[in-house]
Amino acid sequence: MMDADARFEGENPFELTTRWLAEAAKTEINDPNAIALSTVDANGMPNVRIVLLKDIDEDSFVFYTNYTSVKAQEALGAGTVAFVLHWKSLGRQIRVRGHVTKEDGAQADAYYKSRSPLSRLGAWASQQSQVLDSRKTLMDRVDAVRSEKGEDPDRPPFWGGIRVTPVEMEFWADGEARLHDRFRWTRDTPDAPWDVVRLHP
């Protein structure tokens, strides 16, 4: 990579992301894997919210959600999303834009099983993004699921992963006097080679 310092070294943006995330885990107080996820609705109106990035695979990223939620419906409806990882303690961020698909197989099952029992019950009970009249109604639904399915239910068919396969990633590091370092990785399609350029701050 052109005149990059050690922070940016590497030929694989997913390995670089994994390394930055591991470094952030030592300095960020809470949720170093938090991403600000951006979607658009059918009218082109944008939405953004914080979700947790759970998997970094060889060529993609995965977060998990209820497929009936607004974020899932918008992501799958448009077929694309953008997100940013930001670590104030390191003065770094990674911006990602890419295509989305469902991850609803064995990988989603394994992640679901890793969640706490109450979280697993909550995935069944919550009608995510729908109007809720009271907290009691939600907890009553949790109790009803527990009575019907027990303490260890299987993953709901309406809940799973959203896989983001990037076609653009930008690695940004804070620089003195706002003379930041920026490297943008782009590829035309998910199976094409990456092109890397340095950007002005």
N, C-alpha and C. Protein backbone atom coordinates (compact mmCIF):
# COMPACT_ATOMS: atom_id res chain seq x y z
N MET A 1 0.85 -1.20 0.00
CA MET A 1 0.00 0.00 0.00
C MET A 1 0.88 1.24 0.00
N MET A 2 0.48 2.25 -0.74
CA MET A 2 1.31 3.44 -0.94
C MET A 2 1.58 4.19 0.35
N ASP A 3 2.85 4.43 0.64
CA ASP A 3 3.35 5.21 1.78
C ASP A 3 2.44 5.19 3.02
N ALA A 4 1.92 4.02 3.36
CA ALA A 4 1.07 3.89 4.55
C ALA A 4 1.92 3.55 5.76
N ASP A 5 1.50 4.07 6.94
CA ASP A 5 2.21 3.68 8.15
C ASP A 5 1.68 2.34 8.63
N ALA A 6 2.21 1.86 9.75
CA ALA A 6 1.90 0.51 10.21
C ALA A 6 0.42 0.31 10.49
N ARG A 7 -0.29 1.37 10.82
CA ARG A 7 -1.71 1.23 11.12
C ARG A 7 -2.49 0.69 9.92
N PHE A 8 -2.03 1.01 8.71
CA PHE A 8 -2.77 0.70 7.49
C PHE A 8 -2.18 -0.48 6.72
N GLU A 9 -1.16 -1.10 7.22
CA GLU A 9 -0.48 -2.14 6.46
C GLU A 9 -1.36 -3.37 6.30
N GLY A 10 -1.26 -3.99 5.14
CA GLY A 10 -1.99 -5.21 4.87
C GLY A 10 -2.58 -5.21 3.48
N GLU A 11 -2.87 -6.40 2.99
CA GLU A 11 -3.42 -6.57 1.66
C GLU A 11 -4.88 -7.00 1.70
N ASN A 12 -5.46 -7.08 2.90
CA ASN A 12 -6.82 -7.57 3.05
C ASN A 12 -7.58 -6.65 4.00
N PRO A 13 -8.64 -5.99 3.53
CA PRO A 13 -9.34 -5.03 4.40
C PRO A 13 -10.07 -5.68 5.57
N PHE A 14 -10.44 -6.94 5.44
CA PHE A 14 -11.13 -7.63 6.54
C PHE A 14 -10.15 -7.97 7.66
N GLU A 15 -8.93 -8.36 7.27
CA GLU A 15 -7.89 -8.59 8.29
C GLU A 15 -7.53 -7.28 8.97
N LEU A 16 -7.47 -6.19 8.21
CA LEU A 16 -7.16 -4.89 8.79
C LEU A 16 -8.27 -4.46 9.75
N THR A 17 -9.52 -4.68 9.37
CA THR A 17 -10.64 -4.36 10.25
C THR A 17 -10.56 -5.16 11.53
N THR A 18 -10.26 -6.45 11.41
CA THR A 18 -10.15 -7.31 12.59
C THR A 18 -9.06 -6.81 13.53
N ARG A 19 -7.93 -6.38 12.95
CA ARG A 19 -6.82 -5.87 13.76
C ARG A 19 -7.21 -4.59 14.47
N TRP A 20 -7.84 -3.66 13.75
CA TRP A 20 -8.26 -2.40 14.38
C TRP A 20 -9.29 -2.66 15.47
N LEU A 21 -10.21 -3.59 15.23
CA LEU A 21 -11.22 -3.90 16.23
C LEU A 21 -10.58 -4.49 17.49
N ALA A 22 -9.59 -5.35 17.31
CA ALA A 22 -8.90 -5.93 18.46
C ALA A 22 -8.18 -4.85 19.26
N GLU A 23 -7.58 -3.88 18.57
CA GLU A 23 -6.92 -2.78 19.27
C GLU A 23 -7.93 -1.91 20.00
N ALA A 24 -9.09 -1.69 19.38
CA ALA A 24 -10.13 -0.87 20.00
C ALA A 24 -10.71 -1.55 21.24
N ALA A 25 -10.75 -2.88 21.22
CA ALA A 25 -11.30 -3.61 22.36
C ALA A 25 -10.51 -3.34 23.64
N LYS A 26 -9.26 -2.89 23.50
CA LYS A 26 -8.43 -2.61 24.68
C LYS A 26 -8.66 -1.21 25.23
N THR A 27 -9.29 -0.33 24.44
CA THR A 27 -9.40 1.07 24.85
C THR A 27 -10.83 1.60 24.92
N GLU A 28 -11.74 1.01 24.15
CA GLU A 28 -13.12 1.46 24.18
C GLU A 28 -13.83 0.89 25.40
N ILE A 29 -14.56 1.73 26.13
CA ILE A 29 -15.20 1.29 27.36
C ILE A 29 -16.31 0.29 27.08
N ASN A 30 -17.16 0.58 26.11
CA ASN A 30 -18.31 -0.27 25.80
C ASN A 30 -18.42 -0.54 24.30
N ASP A 31 -18.72 -1.76 23.96
CA ASP A 31 -19.11 -2.15 22.61
C ASP A 31 -18.20 -1.60 21.51
N PRO A 32 -16.94 -2.03 21.47
CA PRO A 32 -16.08 -1.59 20.37
C PRO A 32 -16.57 -2.06 19.01
N ASN A 33 -17.48 -3.05 18.99
CA ASN A 33 -18.03 -3.57 17.74
C ASN A 33 -19.33 -2.87 17.35
N ALA A 34 -19.66 -1.74 17.98
CA ALA A 34 -20.86 -1.00 17.62
C ALA A 34 -20.68 -0.32 16.27
N ILE A 35 -21.68 -0.45 15.41
CA ILE A 35 -21.66 0.22 14.11
C ILE A 35 -22.88 1.12 13.98
N ALA A 36 -22.70 2.25 13.32
CA ALA A 36 -23.83 3.09 12.94
C ALA A 36 -24.26 2.62 11.56
N LEU A 37 -25.42 1.97 11.51
CA LEU A 37 -25.92 1.34 10.29
C LEU A 37 -26.90 2.26 9.60
N SER A 38 -26.67 2.53 8.32
CA SER A 38 -27.53 3.41 7.53
C SER A 38 -28.28 2.61 6.48
N THR A 39 -29.60 2.86 6.41
CA THR A 39 -30.46 2.25 5.39
C THR A 39 -31.33 3.35 4.79
N VAL A 40 -32.06 3.02 3.75
CA VAL A 40 -33.04 3.95 3.19
C VAL A 40 -34.36 3.21 3.02
N ASP A 41 -35.49 3.95 3.18
CA ASP A 41 -36.79 3.33 2.98
C ASP A 41 -37.18 3.39 1.50
N ALA A 42 -38.39 2.95 1.21
CA ALA A 42 -38.83 2.87 -0.18
C ALA A 42 -38.92 4.23 -0.86
N ASN A 43 -39.01 5.29 -0.05
CA ASN A 43 -39.08 6.65 -0.59
C ASN A 43 -37.72 7.33 -0.64
N GLY A 44 -36.67 6.61 -0.26
CA GLY A 44 -35.34 7.18 -0.27
C GLY A 44 -34.99 7.95 0.99
N MET A 45 -35.87 7.92 2.02
CA MET A 45 -35.59 8.61 3.28
C MET A 45 -34.61 7.78 4.10
N PRO A 46 -33.49 8.38 4.53
CA PRO A 46 -32.48 7.60 5.26
C PRO A 46 -32.86 7.35 6.71
N ASN A 47 -32.29 6.29 7.24
CA ASN A 47 -32.39 5.91 8.64
C ASN A 47 -31.00 5.53 9.12
N VAL A 48 -30.71 5.76 10.39
CA VAL A 48 -29.45 5.30 10.95
C VAL A 48 -29.69 4.91 12.40
N ARG A 49 -28.99 3.84 12.83
CA ARG A 49 -29.10 3.38 14.21
C ARG A 49 -27.83 2.60 14.55
N ILE A 50 -27.60 2.42 15.85
CA ILE A 50 -26.45 1.66 16.30
C ILE A 50 -26.84 0.20 16.46
N VAL A 51 -26.07 -0.70 15.86
CA VAL A 51 -26.24 -2.14 16.06
C VAL A 51 -24.85 -2.72 16.32
N LEU A 52 -24.82 -3.99 16.73
CA LEU A 52 -23.54 -4.62 17.04
C LEU A 52 -23.11 -5.54 15.90
N LEU A 53 -21.89 -5.31 15.42
CA LEU A 53 -21.29 -6.17 14.41
C LEU A 53 -20.82 -7.44 15.11
N LYS A 54 -21.29 -8.59 14.65
CA LYS A 54 -20.99 -9.84 15.35
C LYS A 54 -19.99 -10.74 14.65
N ASP A 55 -19.90 -10.68 13.34
CA ASP A 55 -18.98 -11.55 12.62
C ASP A 55 -18.23 -10.77 11.55
N ILE A 56 -16.94 -11.02 11.46
CA ILE A 56 -16.13 -10.56 10.34
C ILE A 56 -15.63 -11.81 9.64
N ASP A 57 -16.15 -12.09 8.46
CA ASP A 57 -15.77 -13.29 7.73
C ASP A 57 -14.72 -12.95 6.68
N GLU A 58 -14.42 -13.89 5.81
CA GLU A 58 -13.34 -13.70 4.85
C GLU A 58 -13.61 -12.55 3.89
N ASP A 59 -14.88 -12.31 3.56
CA ASP A 59 -15.18 -11.27 2.58
C ASP A 59 -16.44 -10.49 2.91
N SER A 60 -16.88 -10.51 4.18
CA SER A 60 -18.13 -9.85 4.52
C SER A 60 -18.25 -9.66 6.03
N PHE A 61 -19.30 -8.92 6.41
CA PHE A 61 -19.60 -8.62 7.81
C PHE A 61 -21.03 -9.07 8.10
N VAL A 62 -21.31 -9.46 9.35
CA VAL A 62 -22.65 -9.92 9.69
C VAL A 62 -23.12 -9.29 10.99
N PHE A 63 -24.35 -8.77 10.98
CA PHE A 63 -25.05 -8.41 12.21
C PHE A 63 -26.37 -9.17 12.22
N TYR A 64 -27.03 -9.19 13.38
CA TYR A 64 -28.23 -10.00 13.54
C TYR A 64 -29.42 -9.15 13.96
N THR A 65 -30.61 -9.59 13.51
CA THR A 65 -31.81 -8.80 13.78
C THR A 65 -33.06 -9.62 13.48
N ASN A 66 -34.20 -9.06 13.84
CA ASN A 66 -35.50 -9.58 13.44
C ASN A 66 -35.74 -9.16 11.99
N TYR A 67 -36.06 -10.10 11.12
CA TYR A 67 -36.23 -9.77 9.71
C TYR A 67 -37.46 -8.90 9.44
N THR A 68 -38.37 -8.81 10.40
CA THR A 68 -39.53 -7.93 10.22
C THR A 68 -39.25 -6.52 10.72
N SER A 69 -38.07 -6.26 11.28
CA SER A 69 -37.72 -4.94 11.78
C SER A 69 -37.56 -3.95 10.63
N VAL A 70 -37.63 -2.67 10.97
CA VAL A 70 -37.45 -1.64 9.95
C VAL A 70 -36.08 -1.75 9.29
N LYS A 71 -35.04 -1.94 10.09
CA LYS A 71 -33.70 -1.98 9.50
C LYS A 71 -33.54 -3.14 8.54
N ALA A 72 -34.09 -4.32 8.91
CA ALA A 72 -33.97 -5.47 8.02
C ALA A 72 -34.80 -5.27 6.76
N GLN A 73 -36.01 -4.77 6.90
CA GLN A 73 -36.86 -4.55 5.74
C GLN A 73 -36.24 -3.53 4.78
N GLU A 74 -35.66 -2.47 5.34
CA GLU A 74 -35.03 -1.46 4.48
C GLU A 74 -33.76 -2.00 3.85
N ALA A 75 -32.96 -2.72 4.62
CA ALA A 75 -31.71 -3.27 4.09
C ALA A 75 -31.98 -4.26 2.97
N LEU A 76 -32.88 -5.20 3.22
CA LEU A 76 -33.16 -6.22 2.23
C LEU A 76 -33.94 -5.65 1.05
N GLY A 77 -34.78 -4.64 1.31
CA GLY A 77 -35.55 -4.02 0.24
C GLY A 77 -34.66 -3.28 -0.74
N ALA A 78 -33.71 -2.54 -0.21
CA ALA A 78 -32.79 -1.79 -1.08
C ALA A 78 -31.67 -2.67 -1.62
N GLY A 79 -31.31 -3.69 -0.83
CA GLY A 79 -30.22 -4.57 -1.23
C GLY A 79 -28.84 -4.03 -0.90
N THR A 80 -28.79 -2.85 -0.29
CA THR A 80 -27.51 -2.23 0.06
C THR A 80 -27.64 -1.50 1.39
N VAL A 81 -26.52 -1.34 2.08
CA VAL A 81 -26.45 -0.56 3.32
C VAL A 81 -25.09 0.12 3.37
N ALA A 82 -24.96 1.01 4.34
CA ALA A 82 -23.66 1.59 4.70
C ALA A 82 -23.55 1.54 6.21
N PHE A 83 -22.33 1.43 6.71
CA PHE A 83 -22.13 1.54 8.15
C PHE A 83 -20.75 2.10 8.45
N VAL A 84 -20.60 2.57 9.68
CA VAL A 84 -19.31 3.08 10.12
C VAL A 84 -18.98 2.54 11.51
N LEU A 85 -17.75 2.11 11.68
CA LEU A 85 -17.17 1.81 12.98
C LEU A 85 -16.35 3.02 13.39
N HIS A 86 -16.56 3.54 14.60
CA HIS A 86 -15.82 4.71 15.05
C HIS A 86 -15.28 4.45 16.45
N TRP A 87 -13.97 4.71 16.62
CA TRP A 87 -13.34 4.53 17.92
C TRP A 87 -12.67 5.83 18.33
N LYS A 88 -13.35 6.57 19.18
CA LYS A 88 -12.83 7.85 19.62
C LYS A 88 -11.50 7.70 20.36
N SER A 89 -11.37 6.61 21.13
CA SER A 89 -10.15 6.41 21.91
C SER A 89 -8.93 6.23 21.01
N LEU A 90 -9.11 5.70 19.81
CA LEU A 90 -8.00 5.50 18.88
C LEU A 90 -7.91 6.59 17.82
N GLY A 91 -8.97 7.40 17.69
CA GLY A 91 -9.01 8.37 16.61
C GLY A 91 -9.05 7.70 15.26
N ARG A 92 -9.92 6.68 15.13
CA ARG A 92 -10.00 5.93 13.88
C ARG A 92 -11.46 5.63 13.54
N GLN A 93 -11.71 5.44 12.27
CA GLN A 93 -13.01 4.96 11.84
C GLN A 93 -12.86 4.17 10.55
N ILE A 94 -13.84 3.29 10.32
CA ILE A 94 -13.91 2.52 9.08
C ILE A 94 -15.31 2.69 8.52
N ARG A 95 -15.39 3.15 7.28
CA ARG A 95 -16.67 3.31 6.59
C ARG A 95 -16.82 2.18 5.57
N VAL A 96 -18.04 1.61 5.52
CA VAL A 96 -18.30 0.47 4.66
C VAL A 96 -19.59 0.71 3.87
N ARG A 97 -19.56 0.40 2.57
CA ARG A 97 -20.76 0.38 1.75
C ARG A 97 -20.80 -0.94 0.99
N GLY A 98 -21.98 -1.58 0.95
CA GLY A 98 -22.01 -2.86 0.27
C GLY A 98 -23.39 -3.43 0.08
N HIS A 99 -23.41 -4.64 -0.47
CA HIS A 99 -24.64 -5.36 -0.77
C HIS A 99 -25.00 -6.28 0.39
N VAL A 100 -26.29 -6.55 0.55
CA VAL A 100 -26.74 -7.37 1.68
C VAL A 100 -27.48 -8.62 1.20
N THR A 101 -27.34 -9.67 2.01
CA THR A 101 -28.09 -10.90 1.86
C THR A 101 -28.41 -11.42 3.25
N LYS A 102 -29.35 -12.34 3.33
CA LYS A 102 -29.65 -12.98 4.61
C LYS A 102 -28.57 -14.00 4.97
N GLU A 103 -28.26 -14.09 6.24
CA GLU A 103 -27.43 -15.16 6.78
C GLU A 103 -28.33 -15.92 7.77
N ASP A 104 -29.05 -16.93 7.25
CA ASP A 104 -30.04 -17.59 8.10
C ASP A 104 -29.83 -19.10 8.16
N GLY A 105 -28.58 -19.51 8.11
CA GLY A 105 -28.24 -20.93 8.20
C GLY A 105 -27.56 -21.27 9.52
N ALA A 106 -26.59 -22.17 9.43
CA ALA A 106 -25.92 -22.68 10.62
C ALA A 106 -25.18 -21.58 11.39
N GLN A 107 -24.64 -20.61 10.69
CA GLN A 107 -23.92 -19.53 11.37
C GLN A 107 -24.87 -18.72 12.24
N ALA A 108 -26.07 -18.46 11.73
CA ALA A 108 -27.07 -17.74 12.52
C ALA A 108 -27.54 -18.58 13.70
N ASP A 109 -27.71 -19.88 13.48
CA ASP A 109 -28.10 -20.77 14.58
C ASP A 109 -27.06 -20.73 15.70
N ALA A 110 -25.79 -20.78 15.33
CA ALA A 110 -24.72 -20.80 16.32
C ALA A 110 -24.69 -19.50 17.11
N TYR A 111 -24.84 -18.37 16.42
CA TYR A 111 -24.83 -17.10 17.15
C TYR A 111 -26.04 -17.02 18.08
N TYR A 112 -27.21 -17.42 17.58
CA TYR A 112 -28.42 -17.37 18.41
C TYR A 112 -28.22 -18.19 19.69
N LYS A 113 -27.62 -19.37 19.57
CA LYS A 113 -27.39 -20.23 20.74
C LYS A 113 -26.41 -19.59 21.73
N SER A 114 -25.55 -18.68 21.25
CA SER A 114 -24.57 -18.05 22.13
C SER A 114 -25.18 -16.94 22.99
N ARG A 115 -26.38 -16.51 22.65
CA ARG A 115 -27.04 -15.44 23.39
C ARG A 115 -27.58 -15.95 24.73
N SER A 116 -27.84 -15.04 25.64
CA SER A 116 -28.39 -15.43 26.94
C SER A 116 -29.79 -16.01 26.75
N PRO A 117 -30.25 -16.85 27.70
CA PRO A 117 -31.60 -17.42 27.58
C PRO A 117 -32.69 -16.35 27.43
N LEU A 118 -32.59 -15.26 28.18
CA LEU A 118 -33.62 -14.23 28.07
C LEU A 118 -33.58 -13.55 26.71
N SER A 119 -32.38 -13.37 26.15
CA SER A 119 -32.27 -12.78 24.82
C SER A 119 -32.89 -13.69 23.76
N ARG A 120 -32.71 -15.00 23.93
CA ARG A 120 -33.31 -15.94 22.97
C ARG A 120 -34.83 -15.90 23.06
N LEU A 121 -35.36 -15.85 24.27
CA LEU A 121 -36.81 -15.73 24.44
C LEU A 121 -37.30 -14.39 23.87
N GLY A 122 -36.52 -13.33 24.11
CA GLY A 122 -36.90 -12.01 23.63
C GLY A 122 -36.97 -11.93 22.13
N ALA A 123 -36.12 -12.69 21.44
CA ALA A 123 -36.17 -12.70 19.98
C ALA A 123 -37.50 -13.23 19.47
N TRP A 124 -38.05 -14.20 20.17
CA TRP A 124 -39.38 -14.71 19.83
C TRP A 124 -40.48 -13.73 20.21
N ALA A 125 -40.34 -13.11 21.39
CA ALA A 125 -41.44 -12.31 21.95
C ALA A 125 -41.57 -10.93 21.32
N SER A 126 -40.46 -10.34 20.91
CA SER A 126 -40.49 -8.96 20.43
C SER A 126 -40.97 -8.86 18.99
N GLN A 127 -41.97 -8.04 18.77
CA GLN A 127 -42.40 -7.67 17.42
C GLN A 127 -41.65 -6.40 17.06
N GLN A 128 -40.38 -6.56 16.75
CA GLN A 128 -39.45 -5.44 16.67
C GLN A 128 -39.94 -4.34 15.75
N SER A 129 -39.84 -3.11 16.25
CA SER A 129 -40.21 -1.88 15.55
C SER A 129 -41.71 -1.61 15.53
N GLN A 130 -42.52 -2.55 16.05
CA GLN A 130 -43.97 -2.34 16.09
C GLN A 130 -44.34 -1.56 17.35
N VAL A 131 -45.50 -0.90 17.34
CA VAL A 131 -45.97 -0.14 18.49
C VAL A 131 -46.24 -1.08 19.66
N LEU A 132 -45.78 -0.70 20.85
CA LEU A 132 -45.95 -1.49 22.08
C LEU A 132 -46.64 -0.64 23.13
N ASP A 133 -47.73 -1.14 23.70
CA ASP A 133 -48.50 -0.31 24.62
C ASP A 133 -47.89 -0.21 26.01
N SER A 134 -47.11 -1.24 26.43
CA SER A 134 -46.50 -1.17 27.76
C SER A 134 -45.38 -2.20 27.87
N ARG A 135 -44.50 -1.97 28.82
CA ARG A 135 -43.44 -2.94 29.11
C ARG A 135 -44.05 -4.26 29.58
N LYS A 136 -45.15 -4.18 30.34
CA LYS A 136 -45.80 -5.39 30.84
C LYS A 136 -46.25 -6.29 29.71
N THR A 137 -46.78 -5.71 28.66
CA THR A 137 -47.19 -6.52 27.51
C THR A 137 -46.02 -7.30 26.94
N LEU A 138 -44.87 -6.66 26.82
CA LEU A 138 -43.68 -7.33 26.31
C LEU A 138 -43.28 -8.48 27.23
N MET A 139 -43.22 -8.23 28.54
CA MET A 139 -42.78 -9.27 29.47
C MET A 139 -43.80 -10.40 29.54
N ASP A 140 -45.08 -10.09 29.37
CA ASP A 140 -46.09 -11.15 29.29
C ASP A 140 -45.86 -12.02 28.08
N ARG A 141 -45.45 -11.41 26.97
CA ARG A 141 -45.15 -12.18 25.76
C ARG A 141 -43.92 -13.08 25.99
N VAL A 142 -42.92 -12.56 26.71
CA VAL A 142 -41.75 -13.38 27.05
C VAL A 142 -42.18 -14.59 27.87
N ASP A 143 -43.02 -14.37 28.87
CA ASP A 143 -43.50 -15.48 29.71
C ASP A 143 -44.29 -16.50 28.89
N ALA A 144 -45.08 -16.01 27.94
CA ALA A 144 -45.87 -16.91 27.10
C ALA A 144 -44.95 -17.77 26.22
N VAL A 145 -43.91 -17.16 25.68
CA VAL A 145 -42.95 -17.91 24.88
C VAL A 145 -42.24 -18.95 25.74
N ARG A 146 -41.86 -18.57 26.94
CA ARG A 146 -41.19 -19.49 27.86
C ARG A 146 -42.10 -20.70 28.16
N SER A 147 -43.37 -20.44 28.38
CA SER A 147 -44.31 -21.52 28.68
C SER A 147 -44.48 -22.45 27.47
N GLU A 148 -44.48 -21.86 26.27
CA GLU A 148 -44.70 -22.66 25.07
C GLU A 148 -43.46 -23.38 24.60
N LYS A 149 -42.29 -22.72 24.66
CA LYS A 149 -41.09 -23.25 24.02
C LYS A 149 -39.98 -23.64 24.99
N GLY A 150 -40.18 -23.34 26.28
CA GLY A 150 -39.14 -23.67 27.25
C GLY A 150 -38.07 -22.59 27.30
N GLU A 151 -37.02 -22.87 28.07
CA GLU A 151 -35.96 -21.88 28.30
C GLU A 151 -34.94 -21.82 27.17
N ASP A 152 -34.95 -22.81 26.28
CA ASP A 152 -33.91 -22.88 25.25
C ASP A 152 -34.53 -23.12 23.87
N PRO A 153 -35.29 -22.15 23.37
CA PRO A 153 -35.95 -22.35 22.07
C PRO A 153 -34.97 -22.26 20.92
N ASP A 154 -35.33 -22.90 19.82
CA ASP A 154 -34.55 -22.77 18.60
C ASP A 154 -34.69 -21.36 18.03
N ARG A 155 -33.81 -21.01 17.12
CA ARG A 155 -33.86 -19.68 16.49
C ARG A 155 -35.17 -19.49 15.74
N PRO A 156 -35.82 -18.34 15.93
CA PRO A 156 -37.05 -18.08 15.19
C PRO A 156 -36.78 -17.99 13.69
N PRO A 157 -37.72 -18.42 12.86
CA PRO A 157 -37.50 -18.33 11.40
C PRO A 157 -37.47 -16.90 10.90
N PHE A 158 -37.96 -15.96 11.70
CA PHE A 158 -37.99 -14.55 11.30
C PHE A 158 -36.83 -13.76 11.88
N TRP A 159 -35.84 -14.45 12.41
CA TRP A 159 -34.71 -13.79 13.07
C TRP A 159 -33.42 -14.42 12.56
N GLY A 160 -32.45 -13.57 12.20
CA GLY A 160 -31.18 -14.11 11.73
C GLY A 160 -30.21 -13.00 11.36
N GLY A 161 -29.26 -13.36 10.52
CA GLY A 161 -28.20 -12.42 10.18
C GLY A 161 -28.47 -11.66 8.91
N ILE A 162 -27.86 -10.47 8.85
CA ILE A 162 -27.76 -9.69 7.62
C ILE A 162 -26.27 -9.64 7.26
N ARG A 163 -25.94 -10.20 6.12
CA ARG A 163 -24.54 -10.22 5.67
C ARG A 163 -24.29 -9.03 4.74
N VAL A 164 -23.26 -8.26 5.05
CA VAL A 164 -22.87 -7.10 4.25
C VAL A 164 -21.58 -7.45 3.50
N THR A 165 -21.67 -7.48 2.18
CA THR A 165 -20.50 -7.75 1.36
C THR A 165 -20.07 -6.44 0.71
N PRO A 166 -18.97 -5.85 1.16
CA PRO A 166 -18.61 -4.50 0.73
C PRO A 166 -18.09 -4.42 -0.69
N VAL A 167 -18.36 -3.27 -1.30
CA VAL A 167 -17.68 -2.90 -2.54
C VAL A 167 -16.86 -1.63 -2.31
N GLU A 168 -16.98 -1.05 -1.13
CA GLU A 168 -16.17 0.12 -0.77
C GLU A 168 -15.93 0.13 0.73
N MET A 169 -14.68 0.37 1.13
CA MET A 169 -14.30 0.53 2.54
C MET A 169 -13.29 1.66 2.62
N GLU A 170 -13.43 2.47 3.65
CA GLU A 170 -12.47 3.55 3.86
C GLU A 170 -11.94 3.49 5.29
N PHE A 171 -10.62 3.47 5.40
CA PHE A 171 -9.95 3.48 6.70
C PHE A 171 -9.41 4.89 6.96
N TRP A 172 -9.80 5.44 8.10
CA TRP A 172 -9.51 6.84 8.45
C TRP A 172 -8.82 6.86 9.81
N ALA A 173 -7.76 7.65 9.90
CA ALA A 173 -7.07 7.84 11.18
C ALA A 173 -6.82 9.32 11.40
N ASP A 174 -7.08 9.75 12.61
CA ASP A 174 -6.94 11.16 12.98
C ASP A 174 -5.49 11.62 12.79
N GLY A 175 -5.34 12.82 12.25
CA GLY A 175 -4.02 13.39 12.06
C GLY A 175 -3.90 14.75 12.73
N GLU A 176 -2.69 15.15 13.04
CA GLU A 176 -2.45 16.45 13.68
C GLU A 176 -2.96 17.57 12.77
N ALA A 177 -3.61 18.57 13.38
CA ALA A 177 -4.13 19.72 12.66
C ALA A 177 -5.12 19.32 11.56
N ARG A 178 -5.85 18.24 11.81
CA ARG A 178 -6.85 17.73 10.86
C ARG A 178 -6.24 17.26 9.54
N LEU A 179 -4.96 16.96 9.54
CA LEU A 179 -4.32 16.37 8.36
C LEU A 179 -4.41 14.85 8.50
N HIS A 180 -5.63 14.34 8.33
CA HIS A 180 -5.93 12.94 8.59
C HIS A 180 -5.36 12.04 7.50
N ASP A 181 -5.24 10.75 7.84
CA ASP A 181 -4.87 9.73 6.87
C ASP A 181 -6.12 8.97 6.46
N ARG A 182 -6.32 8.83 5.14
CA ARG A 182 -7.49 8.13 4.60
C ARG A 182 -7.08 7.23 3.45
N PHE A 183 -7.50 5.98 3.51
CA PHE A 183 -7.27 5.04 2.42
C PHE A 183 -8.60 4.41 2.04
N ARG A 184 -8.95 4.48 0.77
CA ARG A 184 -10.21 3.93 0.29
C ARG A 184 -9.95 2.69 -0.56
N TRP A 185 -10.63 1.61 -0.18
CA TRP A 185 -10.58 0.35 -0.91
C TRP A 185 -11.88 0.24 -1.72
N THR A 186 -11.80 -0.02 -3.02
CA THR A 186 -13.00 -0.19 -3.83
C THR A 186 -12.83 -1.39 -4.76
N ARG A 187 -13.96 -1.98 -5.12
CA ARG A 187 -13.99 -3.04 -6.12
C ARG A 187 -15.33 -2.95 -6.84
N ASP A 188 -15.36 -3.32 -8.11
CA ASP A 188 -16.57 -3.18 -8.91
C ASP A 188 -17.66 -4.16 -8.48
N THR A 189 -17.24 -5.36 -8.15
CA THR A 189 -18.17 -6.41 -7.72
C THR A 189 -17.56 -7.13 -6.53
N PRO A 190 -18.37 -7.87 -5.76
CA PRO A 190 -17.84 -8.55 -4.58
C PRO A 190 -16.74 -9.57 -4.85
N ASP A 191 -16.62 -10.06 -6.09
CA ASP A 191 -15.56 -11.02 -6.38
C ASP A 191 -14.40 -10.41 -7.17
N ALA A 192 -14.41 -9.09 -7.33
CA ALA A 192 -13.34 -8.40 -8.06
C ALA A 192 -12.20 -8.04 -7.11
N PRO A 193 -10.99 -7.82 -7.63
CA PRO A 193 -9.88 -7.40 -6.79
C PRO A 193 -10.09 -5.98 -6.28
N TRP A 194 -9.46 -5.67 -5.16
CA TRP A 194 -9.57 -4.35 -4.56
C TRP A 194 -8.59 -3.37 -5.23
N ASP A 195 -9.04 -2.13 -5.35
CA ASP A 195 -8.17 -1.02 -5.74
C ASP A 195 -8.06 -0.10 -4.53
N VAL A 196 -6.85 0.32 -4.19
CA VAL A 196 -6.63 1.13 -3.00
C VAL A 196 -6.00 2.46 -3.37
N VAL A 197 -6.58 3.56 -2.86
CA VAL A 197 -6.03 4.89 -3.09
C VAL A 197 -5.99 5.64 -1.77
N ARG A 198 -5.04 6.57 -1.69
CA ARG A 198 -5.01 7.50 -0.56
C ARG A 198 -5.85 8.71 -0.90
N LEU A 199 -6.61 9.23 0.06
CA LEU A 199 -7.47 10.39 -0.14
C LEU A 199 -6.94 11.60 0.62
N HIS A 200 -7.22 12.78 0.11
CA HIS A 200 -6.95 13.99 0.87
C HIS A 200 -7.78 13.98 2.16
N PRO A 201 -7.31 14.64 3.21
CA PRO A 201 -8.09 14.71 4.45
C PRO A 201 -9.45 15.36 4.23
